[in-house]
C-alpha atoms as a PDB file:
ATOM      1  CA  MET A   1    -113.981 -11.738 -59.677  1.00  0.00           C
ATOM      2  CA  SER A   2    -117.321 -13.413 -59.926  1.00  0.00           C
ATOM      3  CA  PHE A   3    -119.590 -14.672 -62.720  1.00  0.00           C
ATOM      4  CA  THR A   4    -121.765 -11.873 -64.326  1.00  0.00           C
ATOM      5  CA  SER A   5    -125.335 -12.564 -65.469  1.00  0.00           C
ATOM      6  CA  GLN A   6    -123.903 -12.492 -69.007  1.00  0.00           C
ATOM      7  CA  ASN A   7    -121.361 -15.264 -68.098  1.00  0.00           C
ATOM      8  CA  LEU A   8    -124.132 -17.309 -66.580  1.00  0.00           C
ATOM      9  CA  ALA A   9    -126.283 -17.058 -69.750  1.00  0.00           C
ATOM     10  CA  GLU A  10    -123.243 -17.941 -71.839  1.00  0.00           C
ATOM     11  CA  LEU A  11    -122.533 -20.981 -69.627  1.00  0.00           C
ATOM     12  CA  LYS A  12    -126.234 -22.014 -69.955  1.00  0.00           C
ATOM     13  CA  ILE A  13    -125.910 -21.985 -73.769  1.00  0.00           C
ATOM     14  CA  LEU A  14    -122.613 -23.932 -73.671  1.00  0.00           C
ATOM     15  CA  MET A  15    -124.281 -26.524 -71.438  1.00  0.00           C
ATOM     16  CA  LEU A  16    -126.829 -27.170 -74.190  1.00  0.00           C
ATOM     17  CA  PHE A  17    -124.163 -28.495 -76.512  1.00  0.00           C
ATOM     18  CA  ASN A  18    -122.874 -32.144 -76.415  1.00  0.00           C
ATOM     19  CA  SER A  19    -119.184 -31.256 -75.952  1.00  0.00           C
ATOM     20  CA  ALA A  20    -118.178 -34.888 -76.765  1.00  0.00           C
ATOM     21  CA  THR A  21    -118.969 -34.467 -80.374  1.00  0.00           C
ATOM     22  CA  GLY A  22    -118.798 -31.502 -82.773  1.00  0.00           C
ATOM     23  CA  LEU A  23    -121.557 -32.998 -84.852  1.00  0.00           C
ATOM     24  CA  GLU A  24    -124.501 -31.850 -82.748  1.00  0.00           C
ATOM     25  CA  GLY A  25    -125.669 -28.052 -83.041  1.00  0.00           C
ATOM     26  CA  ILE A  26    -128.272 -26.078 -81.363  1.00  0.00           C
ATOM     27  CA  LYS A  27    -130.672 -23.270 -82.498  1.00  0.00           C
ATOM     28  CA  ILE A  28    -131.504 -20.346 -80.282  1.00  0.00           C
ATOM     29  CA  HIS A  29    -134.821 -19.039 -81.604  1.00  0.00           C
ATOM     30  CA  LYS A  30    -135.587 -15.358 -81.933  1.00  0.00           C
ATOM     31  CA  ASP A  31    -138.287 -15.651 -79.213  1.00  0.00           C
ATOM     32  CA  ALA A  32    -135.986 -17.157 -76.730  1.00  0.00           C
ATOM     33  CA  ALA A  33    -135.198 -15.134 -73.598  1.00  0.00           C
ATOM     34  CA  PRO A  34    -133.385 -11.961 -74.523  1.00  0.00           C
ATOM     35  CA  GLU A  35    -130.385 -12.827 -72.393  1.00  0.00           C
ATOM     36  CA  LEU A  36    -129.945 -16.070 -74.171  1.00  0.00           C
ATOM     37  CA  VAL A  37    -130.148 -14.486 -77.558  1.00  0.00           C
ATOM     38  CA  ASP A  38    -127.551 -11.833 -76.513  1.00  0.00           C
ATOM     39  CA  ALA A  39    -125.323 -14.639 -74.970  1.00  0.00           C
ATOM     40  CA  ALA A  40    -125.382 -16.638 -78.232  1.00  0.00           C
ATOM     41  CA  ARG A  41    -124.383 -13.441 -80.118  1.00  0.00           C
ATOM     42  CA  LYS A  42    -121.554 -12.891 -77.908  1.00  0.00           C
ATOM     43  CA  LEU A  43    -120.354 -16.544 -77.997  1.00  0.00           C
ATOM     44  CA  HIS A  44    -120.282 -16.151 -81.773  1.00  0.00           C
ATOM     45  CA  ALA A  45    -118.492 -12.971 -81.735  1.00  0.00           C
ATOM     46  CA  ASP A  46    -115.866 -14.405 -79.414  1.00  0.00           C
ATOM     47  CA  GLY A  47    -115.419 -17.461 -81.568  1.00  0.00           C
ATOM     48  CA  PHE A  48    -116.992 -20.084 -79.419  1.00  0.00           C
ATOM     49  CA  ILE A  49    -119.970 -21.035 -81.808  1.00  0.00           C
ATOM     50  CA  THR A  50    -120.301 -20.886 -85.503  1.00  0.00           C
ATOM     51  CA  GLN A  51    -123.516 -18.954 -85.890  1.00  0.00           C
ATOM     52  CA  VAL A  52    -125.076 -15.975 -84.088  1.00  0.00           C
ATOM     53  CA  ASP A  53    -128.165 -18.163 -83.165  1.00  0.00           C
ATOM     54  CA  GLY A  54    -126.229 -21.237 -82.219  1.00  0.00           C
ATOM     55  CA  GLY A  55    -124.900 -23.530 -84.864  1.00  0.00           C
ATOM     56  CA  TYR A  56    -121.991 -25.717 -83.861  1.00  0.00           C
ATOM     57  CA  LEU A  57    -119.182 -25.355 -81.387  1.00  0.00           C
ATOM     58  CA  THR A  58    -115.752 -24.246 -82.756  1.00  0.00           C
ATOM     59  CA  GLN A  59    -112.671 -25.889 -81.464  1.00  0.00           C
ATOM     60  CA  LEU A  60    -112.537 -23.171 -78.733  1.00  0.00           C
ATOM     61  CA  GLY A  61    -116.073 -23.797 -77.988  1.00  0.00           C
ATOM     62  CA  ILE A  62    -115.640 -27.523 -77.634  1.00  0.00           C
ATOM     63  CA  GLU A  63    -112.884 -27.031 -75.113  1.00  0.00           C
ATOM     64  CA  THR A  64    -114.784 -24.353 -73.208  1.00  0.00           C
ATOM     65  CA  ALA A  65    -118.024 -26.507 -73.227  1.00  0.00           C
ATOM     66  CA  GLU A  66    -115.994 -29.387 -71.780  1.00  0.00           C
ATOM     67  CA  HIS A  67    -114.814 -27.160 -68.945  1.00  0.00           C
ATOM     68  CA  ALA A  68    -118.415 -25.862 -68.409  1.00  0.00           C
ATOM     69  CA  HIS A  69    -119.732 -29.470 -68.211  1.00  0.00           C
ATOM     70  CA  SER A  70    -116.812 -30.393 -65.831  1.00  0.00           C
ATOM     71  CA  LEU A  71    -117.527 -27.466 -63.601  1.00  0.00           C
ATOM     72  CA  CYS A  72    -121.251 -28.180 -63.420  1.00  0.00           C
ATOM     73  CA  TYR A  73    -120.499 -31.918 -62.661  1.00  0.00           C
ATOM     74  CA  LEU A  74    -118.038 -30.910 -59.896  1.00  0.00           C
ATOM     75  CA  LEU A  75    -120.278 -28.399 -58.320  1.00  0.00           C
ATOM     76  CA  ASN A  76    -123.237 -30.740 -58.372  1.00  0.00           C
ATOM     77  CA  SER A  77    -121.161 -33.508 -57.006  1.00  0.00           C
ATOM     78  CA  ALA A  78    -119.943 -31.473 -54.114  1.00  0.00           C
ATOM     79  CA  GLU A  79    -123.572 -30.446 -53.362  1.00  0.00           C
ATOM     80  CA  ARG A  80    -124.731 -34.160 -53.352  1.00  0.00           C
ATOM     81  CA  GLU A  81    -121.779 -35.176 -51.047  1.00  0.00           C
ATOM     82  CA  ALA A  82    -122.598 -32.357 -48.589  1.00  0.00           C
ATOM     83  CA  SER A  83    -126.232 -33.749 -48.292  1.00  0.00           C
END
């Protein structure tokens, strides 16, 4: 199993959120890249964010964004260590 382009767009949106607090939301504008607009809609439909165009993270979204941030940090740390 590997990440799909849809998964990567969803991760990109989750990375926009500050997972340390549920008090900061985001807005995906209608003129954003279509894959980001679609990813936000899917994240909303799946219960990760409160609005189809962003909004705030739900509890599930907070946990998922924390994992996304951790994964990004670990992958980038491994890249730096290999250099």
